[in-house]
Amino acid sequence: MSTYWPTEDGWPYADVEREEADLGAECDDDLLSLRARSSHLFDDLDPLERQVIESRFGLGGAPIRSMKQLQHDTGVPRADLREALGSGLGKIRSHLI
């Protein structure tokens, strides 16, 4: 039997220490500012890019939709939806860098 198979104690070794969140730890200011500015990340997006990203990732309380479902809902070919998704994510990425 290989030593990489899980044992009764865990994979591959037992979990000896539990990790607990330190509620008194410092906050990550970069993460907080990212959350504060997140509404502005979508300002430069085209309406289709915004719709695809929000639907694809379930943002704003919307259910997560597949590309096939988006194609059915919008009537836009999947190739165009993929292009809108890629260009929209590229624009968002440029704001984060």
PDB file of N, CA and C in Angstrom:
ATOM      1  N   MET A   1       0.838  -1.177   0.000  1.00  0.00           N
ATOM      2  CA  MET A   1       0.000   0.000   0.000  1.00  0.00           C
ATOM      3  C   MET A   1       0.886   1.245   0.000  1.00  0.00           C
ATOM      4  N   SER A   2       0.508   2.237  -0.765  1.00  0.00           N
ATOM      5  CA  SER A   2       1.273   3.474  -0.872  1.00  0.00           C
ATOM      6  C   SER A   2       1.117   4.313   0.391  1.00  0.00           C
ATOM      7  N   THR A   3       2.140   5.093   0.693  1.00  0.00           N
ATOM      8  CA  THR A   3       2.063   5.963   1.866  1.00  0.00           C
ATOM      9  C   THR A   3       1.219   7.198   1.596  1.00  0.00           C
ATOM     10  N   TYR A   4       0.781   7.386   0.351  1.00  0.00           N
ATOM     11  CA  TYR A   4      -0.012   8.565   0.019  1.00  0.00           C
ATOM     12  C   TYR A   4      -1.508   8.354   0.204  1.00  0.00           C
ATOM     13  N   TRP A   5      -1.919   7.122   0.499  1.00  0.00           N
ATOM     14  CA  TRP A   5      -3.331   6.873   0.739  1.00  0.00           C
ATOM     15  C   TRP A   5      -3.710   7.445   2.086  1.00  0.00           C
ATOM     16  N   PRO A   6      -4.937   7.934   2.226  1.00  0.00           N
ATOM     17  CA  PRO A   6      -5.342   8.516   3.511  1.00  0.00           C
ATOM     18  C   PRO A   6      -5.376   7.460   4.608  1.00  0.00           C
ATOM     19  N   THR A   7      -5.029   7.902   5.777  1.00  0.00           N
ATOM     20  CA  THR A   7      -5.099   7.024   6.938  1.00  0.00           C
ATOM     21  C   THR A   7      -6.370   7.343   7.699  1.00  0.00           C
ATOM     22  N   GLU A   8      -6.626   6.602   8.744  1.00  0.00           N
ATOM     23  CA  GLU A   8      -7.815   6.876   9.551  1.00  0.00           C
ATOM     24  C   GLU A   8      -7.698   8.223  10.252  1.00  0.00           C
ATOM     25  N   ASP A   9      -6.474   8.691  10.460  1.00  0.00           N
ATOM     26  CA  ASP A   9      -6.249   9.944  11.182  1.00  0.00           C
ATOM     27  C   ASP A   9      -6.346  11.177  10.300  1.00  0.00           C
ATOM     28  N   GLY A  10      -6.288  11.041   9.007  1.00  0.00           N
ATOM     29  CA  GLY A  10      -6.339  12.220   8.143  1.00  0.00           C
ATOM     30  C   GLY A  10      -5.540  12.018   6.889  1.00  0.00           C
ATOM     31  N   TRP A  11      -5.446  13.044   6.096  1.00  0.00           N
ATOM     32  CA  TRP A  11      -4.765  12.961   4.798  1.00  0.00           C
ATOM     33  C   TRP A  11      -3.532  13.801   4.800  1.00  0.00           C
ATOM     34  N   PRO A  12      -2.359  13.394   4.552  1.00  0.00           N
ATOM     35  CA  PRO A  12      -1.869  12.071   4.886  1.00  0.00           C
ATOM     36  C   PRO A  12      -1.515  11.978   6.360  1.00  0.00           C
ATOM     37  N   TYR A  13      -1.572  13.099   7.058  1.00  0.00           N
ATOM     38  CA  TYR A  13      -1.242  13.089   8.486  1.00  0.00           C
ATOM     39  C   TYR A  13      -2.412  13.662   9.268  1.00  0.00           C
ATOM     40  N   ALA A  14      -2.445  13.330  10.504  1.00  0.00           N
ATOM     41  CA  ALA A  14      -3.536  13.815  11.358  1.00  0.00           C
ATOM     42  C   ALA A  14      -3.436  15.322  11.549  1.00  0.00           C
ATOM     43  N   ASP A  15      -4.581  15.963  11.691  1.00  0.00           N
ATOM     44  CA  ASP A  15      -4.638  17.391  11.989  1.00  0.00           C
ATOM     45  C   ASP A  15      -4.443  17.547  13.490  1.00  0.00           C
ATOM     46  N   VAL A  16      -3.244  17.960  13.902  1.00  0.00           N
ATOM     47  CA  VAL A  16      -2.946  18.008  15.321  1.00  0.00           C
ATOM     48  C   VAL A  16      -3.414  19.315  15.944  1.00  0.00           C
ATOM     49  N   GLU A  17      -3.205  20.417  15.243  1.00  0.00           N
ATOM     50  CA  GLU A  17      -3.578  21.720  15.785  1.00  0.00           C
ATOM     51  C   GLU A  17      -4.724  22.309  14.977  1.00  0.00           C
ATOM     52  N   ARG A  18      -5.634  22.932  15.670  1.00  0.00           N
ATOM     53  CA  ARG A  18      -6.722  23.630  14.985  1.00  0.00           C
ATOM     54  C   ARG A  18      -6.313  25.073  14.765  1.00  0.00           C
ATOM     55  N   GLU A  19      -6.669  25.604  13.626  1.00  0.00           N
ATOM     56  CA  GLU A  19      -6.426  27.017  13.366  1.00  0.00           C
ATOM     57  C   GLU A  19      -7.664  27.792  13.777  1.00  0.00           C
ATOM     58  N   GLU A  20      -7.452  28.848  14.530  1.00  0.00           N
ATOM     59  CA  GLU A  20      -8.574  29.680  14.943  1.00  0.00           C
ATOM     60  C   GLU A  20      -8.311  31.104  14.489  1.00  0.00           C
ATOM     61  N   ALA A  21      -9.360  31.790  14.123  1.00  0.00           N
ATOM     62  CA  ALA A  21      -9.234  33.172  13.668  1.00  0.00           C
ATOM     63  C   ALA A  21      -8.901  34.071  14.850  1.00  0.00           C
ATOM     64  N   ASP A  22      -7.974  34.984  14.623  1.00  0.00           N
ATOM     65  CA  ASP A  22      -7.612  35.960  15.642  1.00  0.00           C
ATOM     66  C   ASP A  22      -8.446  37.207  15.398  1.00  0.00           C
ATOM     67  N   LEU A  23      -9.503  37.373  16.182  1.00  0.00           N
ATOM     68  CA  LEU A  23     -10.406  38.501  15.971  1.00  0.00           C
ATOM     69  C   LEU A  23      -9.759  39.833  16.320  1.00  0.00           C
ATOM     70  N   GLY A  24      -8.684  39.812  17.067  1.00  0.00           N
ATOM     71  CA  GLY A  24      -7.993  41.036  17.427  1.00  0.00           C
ATOM     72  C   GLY A  24      -6.881  41.401  16.457  1.00  0.00           C
ATOM     73  N   ALA A  25      -6.712  40.616  15.404  1.00  0.00           N
ATOM     74  CA  ALA A  25      -5.637  40.863  14.440  1.00  0.00           C
ATOM     75  C   ALA A  25      -5.928  42.115  13.620  1.00  0.00           C
ATOM     76  N   GLU A  26      -4.864  42.636  13.022  1.00  0.00           N
ATOM     77  CA  GLU A  26      -5.016  43.829  12.196  1.00  0.00           C
ATOM     78  C   GLU A  26      -5.780  43.499  10.926  1.00  0.00           C
ATOM     79  N   CYS A  27      -6.482  44.498  10.395  1.00  0.00           N
ATOM     80  CA  CYS A  27      -7.237  44.328   9.152  1.00  0.00           C
ATOM     81  C   CYS A  27      -6.310  44.524   7.963  1.00  0.00           C
ATOM     82  N   ASP A  28      -6.637  43.877   6.884  1.00  0.00           N
ATOM     83  CA  ASP A  28      -5.906  44.040   5.635  1.00  0.00           C
ATOM     84  C   ASP A  28      -6.467  45.269   4.919  1.00  0.00           C
ATOM     85  N   ASP A  29      -5.735  46.384   4.981  1.00  0.00           N
ATOM     86  CA  ASP A  29      -6.220  47.637   4.401  1.00  0.00           C
ATOM     87  C   ASP A  29      -6.408  47.552   2.895  1.00  0.00           C
ATOM     88  N   ASP A  30      -5.554  46.783   2.215  1.00  0.00           N
ATOM     89  CA  ASP A  30      -5.706  46.635   0.769  1.00  0.00           C
ATOM     90  C   ASP A  30      -7.027  45.961   0.427  1.00  0.00           C
ATOM     91  N   LEU A  31      -7.387  44.947   1.185  1.00  0.00           N
ATOM     92  CA  LEU A  31      -8.641  44.248   0.939  1.00  0.00           C
ATOM     93  C   LEU A  31      -9.830  45.158   1.223  1.00  0.00           C
ATOM     94  N   LEU A  32      -9.735  45.941   2.286  1.00  0.00           N
ATOM     95  CA  LEU A  32     -10.824  46.860   2.600  1.00  0.00           C
ATOM     96  C   LEU A  32     -10.998  47.910   1.518  1.00  0.00           C
ATOM     97  N   SER A  33      -9.895  48.453   1.009  1.00  0.00           N
ATOM     98  CA  SER A  33     -10.015  49.464  -0.040  1.00  0.00           C
ATOM     99  C   SER A  33     -10.517  48.841  -1.330  1.00  0.00           C
ATOM    100  N   LEU A  34     -10.167  47.587  -1.583  1.00  0.00           N
ATOM    101  CA  LEU A  34     -10.677  46.903  -2.771  1.00  0.00           C
ATOM    102  C   LEU A  34     -12.186  46.741  -2.668  1.00  0.00           C
ATOM    103  N   ARG A  35     -12.673  46.376  -1.503  1.00  0.00           N
ATOM    104  CA  ARG A  35     -14.119  46.239  -1.327  1.00  0.00           C
ATOM    105  C   ARG A  35     -14.807  47.594  -1.421  1.00  0.00           C
ATOM    106  N   ALA A  36     -14.173  48.636  -0.941  1.00  0.00           N
ATOM    107  CA  ALA A  36     -14.779  49.963  -0.990  1.00  0.00           C
ATOM    108  C   ALA A  36     -14.871  50.475  -2.420  1.00  0.00           C
ATOM    109  N   ARG A  37     -13.881  50.140  -3.257  1.00  0.00           N
ATOM    110  CA  ARG A  37     -13.867  50.631  -4.632  1.00  0.00           C
ATOM    111  C   ARG A  37     -14.527  49.678  -5.615  1.00  0.00           C
ATOM    112  N   SER A  38     -15.026  48.548  -5.143  1.00  0.00           N
ATOM    113  CA  SER A  38     -15.489  47.519  -6.069  1.00  0.00           C
ATOM    114  C   SER A  38     -16.626  47.993  -6.952  1.00  0.00           C
ATOM    115  N   SER A  39     -17.464  48.916  -6.488  1.00  0.00           N
ATOM    116  CA  SER A  39     -18.559  49.386  -7.338  1.00  0.00           C
ATOM    117  C   SER A  39     -18.025  50.142  -8.546  1.00  0.00           C
ATOM    118  N   HIS A  40     -16.851  50.744  -8.429  1.00  0.00           N
ATOM    119  CA  HIS A  40     -16.271  51.493  -9.542  1.00  0.00           C
ATOM    120  C   HIS A  40     -15.577  50.588 -10.550  1.00  0.00           C
ATOM    121  N   LEU A  41     -15.354  49.340 -10.201  1.00  0.00           N
ATOM    122  CA  LEU A  41     -14.706  48.415 -11.129  1.00  0.00           C
ATOM    123  C   LEU A  41     -15.559  48.179 -12.368  1.00  0.00           C
ATOM    124  N   PHE A  42     -16.858  48.317 -12.239  1.00  0.00           N
ATOM    125  CA  PHE A  42     -17.764  48.027 -13.338  1.00  0.00           C
ATOM    126  C   PHE A  42     -18.126  49.259 -14.161  1.00  0.00           C
ATOM    127  N   ASP A  43     -17.625  50.431 -13.790  1.00  0.00           N
ATOM    128  CA  ASP A  43     -18.002  51.662 -14.486  1.00  0.00           C
ATOM    129  C   ASP A  43     -17.574  51.681 -15.946  1.00  0.00           C
ATOM    130  N   ASP A  44     -16.430  51.092 -16.271  1.00  0.00           N
ATOM    131  CA  ASP A  44     -15.910  51.139 -17.639  1.00  0.00           C
ATOM    132  C   ASP A  44     -16.403  49.991 -18.517  1.00  0.00           C
ATOM    133  N   LEU A  45     -17.229  49.116 -17.976  1.00  0.00           N
ATOM    134  CA  LEU A  45     -17.677  47.957 -18.737  1.00  0.00           C
ATOM    135  C   LEU A  45     -18.836  48.307 -19.663  1.00  0.00           C
ATOM    136  N   ASP A  46     -18.857  47.653 -20.816  1.00  0.00           N
ATOM    137  CA  ASP A  46     -20.006  47.751 -21.709  1.00  0.00           C
ATOM    138  C   ASP A  46     -21.175  47.028 -21.044  1.00  0.00           C
ATOM    139  N   PRO A  47     -22.411  47.352 -21.436  1.00  0.00           N
ATOM    140  CA  PRO A  47     -23.561  46.676 -20.816  1.00  0.00           C
ATOM    141  C   PRO A  47     -23.515  45.149 -20.939  1.00  0.00           C
ATOM    142  N   LEU A  48     -23.080  44.630 -22.095  1.00  0.00           N
ATOM    143  CA  LEU A  48     -23.008  43.179 -22.263  1.00  0.00           C
ATOM    144  C   LEU A  48     -21.925  42.584 -21.368  1.00  0.00           C
ATOM    145  N   GLU A  49     -20.767  43.255 -21.275  1.00  0.00           N
ATOM    146  CA  GLU A  49     -19.688  42.771 -20.407  1.00  0.00           C
ATOM    147  C   GLU A  49     -20.162  42.709 -18.957  1.00  0.00           C
ATOM    148  N   ARG A  50     -20.834  43.756 -18.535  1.00  0.00           N
ATOM    149  CA  ARG A  50     -21.332  43.816 -17.158  1.00  0.00           C
ATOM    150  C   ARG A  50     -22.360  42.713 -16.901  1.00  0.00           C
ATOM    151  N   GLN A  51     -23.283  42.535 -17.845  1.00  0.00           N
ATOM    152  CA  GLN A  51     -24.315  41.515 -17.685  1.00  0.00           C
ATOM    153  C   GLN A  51     -23.709  40.116 -17.618  1.00  0.00           C
ATOM    154  N   VAL A  52     -22.746  39.847 -18.497  1.00  0.00           N
ATOM    155  CA  VAL A  52     -22.126  38.520 -18.527  1.00  0.00           C
ATOM    156  C   VAL A  52     -21.362  38.256 -17.236  1.00  0.00           C
ATOM    157  N   ILE A  53     -20.581  39.216 -16.767  1.00  0.00           N
ATOM    158  CA  ILE A  53     -19.788  39.022 -15.544  1.00  0.00           C
ATOM    159  C   ILE A  53     -20.697  38.855 -14.331  1.00  0.00           C
ATOM    160  N   GLU A  54     -21.712  39.709 -14.213  1.00  0.00           N
ATOM    161  CA  GLU A  54     -22.614  39.599 -13.066  1.00  0.00           C
ATOM    162  C   GLU A  54     -23.369  38.275 -13.078  1.00  0.00           C
ATOM    163  N   SER A  55     -23.814  37.852 -14.254  1.00  0.00           N
ATOM    164  CA  SER A  55     -24.570  36.598 -14.347  1.00  0.00           C
ATOM    165  C   SER A  55     -23.670  35.380 -14.187  1.00  0.00           C
ATOM    166  N   ARG A  56     -22.507  35.431 -14.793  1.00  0.00           N
ATOM    167  CA  ARG A  56     -21.602  34.271 -14.783  1.00  0.00           C
ATOM    168  C   ARG A  56     -21.091  33.966 -13.381  1.00  0.00           C
ATOM    169  N   PHE A  57     -20.828  35.016 -12.576  1.00  0.00           N
ATOM    170  CA  PHE A  57     -20.264  34.831 -11.244  1.00  0.00           C
ATOM    171  C   PHE A  57     -21.279  35.061 -10.126  1.00  0.00           C
ATOM    172  N   GLY A  58     -22.536  35.308 -10.473  1.00  0.00           N
ATOM    173  CA  GLY A  58     -23.578  35.460  -9.465  1.00  0.00           C
ATOM    174  C   GLY A  58     -23.422  36.698  -8.609  1.00  0.00           C
ATOM    175  N   LEU A  59     -22.992  37.801  -9.199  1.00  0.00           N
ATOM    176  CA  LEU A  59     -22.804  39.037  -8.440  1.00  0.00           C
ATOM    177  C   LEU A  59     -24.142  39.758  -8.272  1.00  0.00           C
ATOM    178  N   GLY A  60     -24.251  40.541  -7.228  1.00  0.00           N
ATOM    179  CA  GLY A  60     -25.463  41.315  -7.001  1.00  0.00           C
ATOM    180  C   GLY A  60     -26.666  40.458  -6.640  1.00  0.00           C
ATOM    181  N   GLY A  61     -26.414  39.281  -6.092  1.00  0.00           N
ATOM    182  CA  GLY A  61     -27.510  38.416  -5.685  1.00  0.00           C
ATOM    183  C   GLY A  61     -28.111  37.595  -6.809  1.00  0.00           C
ATOM    184  N   ALA A  62     -27.582  37.734  -8.016  1.00  0.00           N
ATOM    185  CA  ALA A  62     -28.090  36.956  -9.151  1.00  0.00           C
ATOM    186  C   ALA A  62     -27.589  35.518  -9.051  1.00  0.00           C
ATOM    187  N   PRO A  63     -28.378  34.559  -9.523  1.00  0.00           N
ATOM    188  CA  PRO A  63     -27.886  33.177  -9.525  1.00  0.00           C
ATOM    189  C   PRO A  63     -26.770  33.003 -10.557  1.00  0.00           C
ATOM    190  N   ILE A  64     -25.865  32.084 -10.303  1.00  0.00           N
ATOM    191  CA  ILE A  64     -24.769  31.808 -11.234  1.00  0.00           C
ATOM    192  C   ILE A  64     -25.348  31.148 -12.481  1.00  0.00           C
ATOM    193  N   ARG A  65     -24.990  31.682 -13.641  1.00  0.00           N
ATOM    194  CA  ARG A  65     -25.515  31.182 -14.912  1.00  0.00           C
ATOM    195  C   ARG A  65     -24.368  30.616 -15.742  1.00  0.00           C
ATOM    196  N   SER A  66     -24.639  29.564 -16.479  1.00  0.00           N
ATOM    197  CA  SER A  66     -23.647  29.010 -17.403  1.00  0.00           C
ATOM    198  C   SER A  66     -23.694  29.809 -18.701  1.00  0.00           C
ATOM    199  N   MET A  67     -22.686  29.617 -19.539  1.00  0.00           N
ATOM    200  CA  MET A  67     -22.672  30.304 -20.830  1.00  0.00           C
ATOM    201  C   MET A  67     -23.855  29.859 -21.686  1.00  0.00           C
ATOM    202  N   LYS A  68     -24.212  28.596 -21.580  1.00  0.00           N
ATOM    203  CA  LYS A  68     -25.356  28.085 -22.338  1.00  0.00           C
ATOM    204  C   LYS A  68     -26.646  28.776 -21.891  1.00  0.00           C
ATOM    205  N   GLN A  69     -26.806  28.956 -20.581  1.00  0.00           N
ATOM    206  CA  GLN A  69     -27.983  29.649 -20.064  1.00  0.00           C
ATOM    207  C   GLN A  69     -27.985  31.112 -20.487  1.00  0.00           C
ATOM    208  N   LEU A  70     -26.810  31.749 -20.447  1.00  0.00           N
ATOM    209  CA  LEU A  70     -26.717  33.149 -20.882  1.00  0.00           C
ATOM    210  C   LEU A  70     -27.058  33.285 -22.357  1.00  0.00           C
ATOM    211  N   GLN A  71     -26.601  32.348 -23.165  1.00  0.00           N
ATOM    212  CA  GLN A  71     -26.916  32.382 -24.590  1.00  0.00           C
ATOM    213  C   GLN A  71     -28.426  32.265 -24.789  1.00  0.00           C
ATOM    214  N   HIS A  72     -29.047  31.387 -24.046  1.00  0.00           N
ATOM    215  CA  HIS A  72     -30.492  31.207 -24.162  1.00  0.00           C
ATOM    216  C   HIS A  72     -31.225  32.471 -23.719  1.00  0.00           C
ATOM    217  N   ASP A  73     -30.766  33.099 -22.625  1.00  0.00           N
ATOM    218  CA  ASP A  73     -31.428  34.291 -22.084  1.00  0.00           C
ATOM    219  C   ASP A  73     -31.266  35.512 -22.979  1.00  0.00           C
ATOM    220  N   THR A  74     -30.064  35.690 -23.535  1.00  0.00           N
ATOM    221  CA  THR A  74     -29.768  36.914 -24.283  1.00  0.00           C
ATOM    222  C   THR A  74     -29.918  36.762 -25.788  1.00  0.00           C
ATOM    223  N   GLY A  75     -29.790  35.554 -26.294  1.00  0.00           N
ATOM    224  CA  GLY A  75     -29.820  35.350 -27.740  1.00  0.00           C
ATOM    225  C   GLY A  75     -28.506  35.695 -28.416  1.00  0.00           C
ATOM    226  N   VAL A  76     -27.476  35.979 -27.623  1.00  0.00           N
ATOM    227  CA  VAL A  76     -26.150  36.326 -28.146  1.00  0.00           C
ATOM    228  C   VAL A  76     -25.347  35.031 -28.277  1.00  0.00           C
ATOM    229  N   PRO A  77     -24.630  34.835 -29.387  1.00  0.00           N
ATOM    230  CA  PRO A  77     -23.824  33.615 -29.544  1.00  0.00           C
ATOM    231  C   PRO A  77     -22.791  33.467 -28.418  1.00  0.00           C
ATOM    232  N   ARG A  78     -22.497  32.212 -28.065  1.00  0.00           N
ATOM    233  CA  ARG A  78     -21.553  31.958 -26.967  1.00  0.00           C
ATOM    234  C   ARG A  78     -20.177  32.537 -27.233  1.00  0.00           C
ATOM    235  N   ALA A  79     -19.757  32.558 -28.487  1.00  0.00           N
ATOM    236  CA  ALA A  79     -18.442  33.134 -28.808  1.00  0.00           C
ATOM    237  C   ALA A  79     -18.411  34.610 -28.431  1.00  0.00           C
ATOM    238  N   ASP A  80     -19.497  35.329 -28.708  1.00  0.00           N
ATOM    239  CA  ASP A  80     -19.562  36.749 -28.342  1.00  0.00           C
ATOM    240  C   ASP A  80     -19.640  36.924 -26.829  1.00  0.00           C
ATOM    241  N   LEU A  81     -20.336  36.009 -26.156  1.00  0.00           N
ATOM    242  CA  LEU A  81     -20.397  36.072 -24.691  1.00  0.00           C
ATOM    243  C   LEU A  81     -19.025  35.826 -24.077  1.00  0.00           C
ATOM    244  N   ARG A  82     -18.292  34.842 -24.622  1.00  0.00           N
ATOM    245  CA  ARG A  82     -16.934  34.574 -24.121  1.00  0.00           C
ATOM    246  C   ARG A  82     -16.025  35.774 -24.359  1.00  0.00           C
ATOM    247  N   GLU A  83     -16.171  36.411 -25.517  1.00  0.00           N
ATOM    248  CA  GLU A  83     -15.361  37.597 -25.813  1.00  0.00           C
ATOM    249  C   GLU A  83     -15.696  38.732 -24.848  1.00  0.00           C
ATOM    250  N   ALA A  84     -16.988  38.930 -24.568  1.00  0.00           N
ATOM    251  CA  ALA A  84     -17.402  39.974 -23.623  1.00  0.00           C
ATOM    252  C   ALA A  84     -16.885  39.662 -22.220  1.00  0.00           C
ATOM    253  N   LEU A  85     -16.930  38.396 -21.834  1.00  0.00           N
ATOM    254  CA  LEU A  85     -16.422  37.995 -20.523  1.00  0.00           C
ATOM    255  C   LEU A  85     -14.926  38.268 -20.423  1.00  0.00           C
ATOM    256  N   GLY A  86     -14.179  37.883 -21.448  1.00  0.00           N
ATOM    257  CA  GLY A  86     -12.729  38.092 -21.437  1.00  0.00           C
ATOM    258  C   GLY A  86     -12.344  39.555 -21.421  1.00  0.00           C
ATOM    259  N   SER A  87     -12.998  40.352 -22.251  1.00  0.00           N
ATOM    260  CA  SER A  87     -12.647  41.780 -22.289  1.00  0.00           C
ATOM    261  C   SER A  87     -13.077  42.481 -21.007  1.00  0.00           C
ATOM    262  N   GLY A  88     -14.223  42.084 -20.452  1.00  0.00           N
ATOM    263  CA  GLY A  88     -14.674  42.681 -19.191  1.00  0.00           C
ATOM    264  C   GLY A  88     -13.748  42.343 -18.038  1.00  0.00           C
ATOM    265  N   LEU A  89     -13.327  41.081 -17.962  1.00  0.00           N
ATOM    266  CA  LEU A  89     -12.386  40.694 -16.903  1.00  0.00           C
ATOM    267  C   LEU A  89     -11.045  41.389 -17.084  1.00  0.00           C
ATOM    268  N   GLY A  90     -10.641  41.603 -18.333  1.00  0.00           N
ATOM    269  CA  GLY A  90      -9.401  42.338 -18.596  1.00  0.00           C
ATOM    270  C   GLY A  90      -9.479  43.771 -18.097  1.00  0.00           C
ATOM    271  N   LYS A  91     -10.625  44.411 -18.314  1.00  0.00           N
ATOM    272  CA  LYS A  91     -10.803  45.789 -17.832  1.00  0.00           C
ATOM    273  C   LYS A  91     -10.778  45.835 -16.307  1.00  0.00           C
ATOM    274  N   ILE A  92     -11.437  44.883 -15.671  1.00  0.00           N
ATOM    275  CA  ILE A  92     -11.438  44.836 -14.201  1.00  0.00           C
ATOM    276  C   ILE A  92     -10.028  44.583 -13.686  1.00  0.00           C
ATOM    277  N   ARG A  93      -9.316  43.666 -14.332  1.00  0.00           N
ATOM    278  CA  ARG A  93      -7.942  43.347 -13.938  1.00  0.00           C
ATOM    279  C   ARG A  93      -7.053  44.585 -14.032  1.00  0.00           C
ATOM    280  N   SER A  94      -7.253  45.401 -15.063  1.00  0.00           N
ATOM    281  CA  SER A  94      -6.419  46.598 -15.224  1.00  0.00           C
ATOM    282  C   SER A  94      -6.657  47.601 -14.094  1.00  0.00           C
ATOM    283  N   HIS A  95      -7.859  47.608 -13.518  1.00  0.00           N
ATOM    284  CA  HIS A  95      -8.135  48.489 -12.377  1.00  0.00           C
ATOM    285  C   HIS A  95      -7.450  47.996 -11.108  1.00  0.00           C
ATOM    286  N   LEU A  96      -7.243  46.686 -11.021  1.00  0.00           N
ATOM    287  CA  LEU A  96      -6.678  46.110  -9.804  1.00  0.00           C
ATOM    288  C   LEU A  96      -5.162  46.187  -9.765  1.00  0.00           C
ATOM    289  N   ILE A  97      -4.542  46.366 -10.914  1.00  0.00           N
ATOM    290  CA  ILE A  97      -3.075  46.392 -10.967  1.00  0.00           C
ATOM    291  C   ILE A  97      -2.565  47.780 -10.706  1.00  0.00           C
TER     292      ILE A  97
END
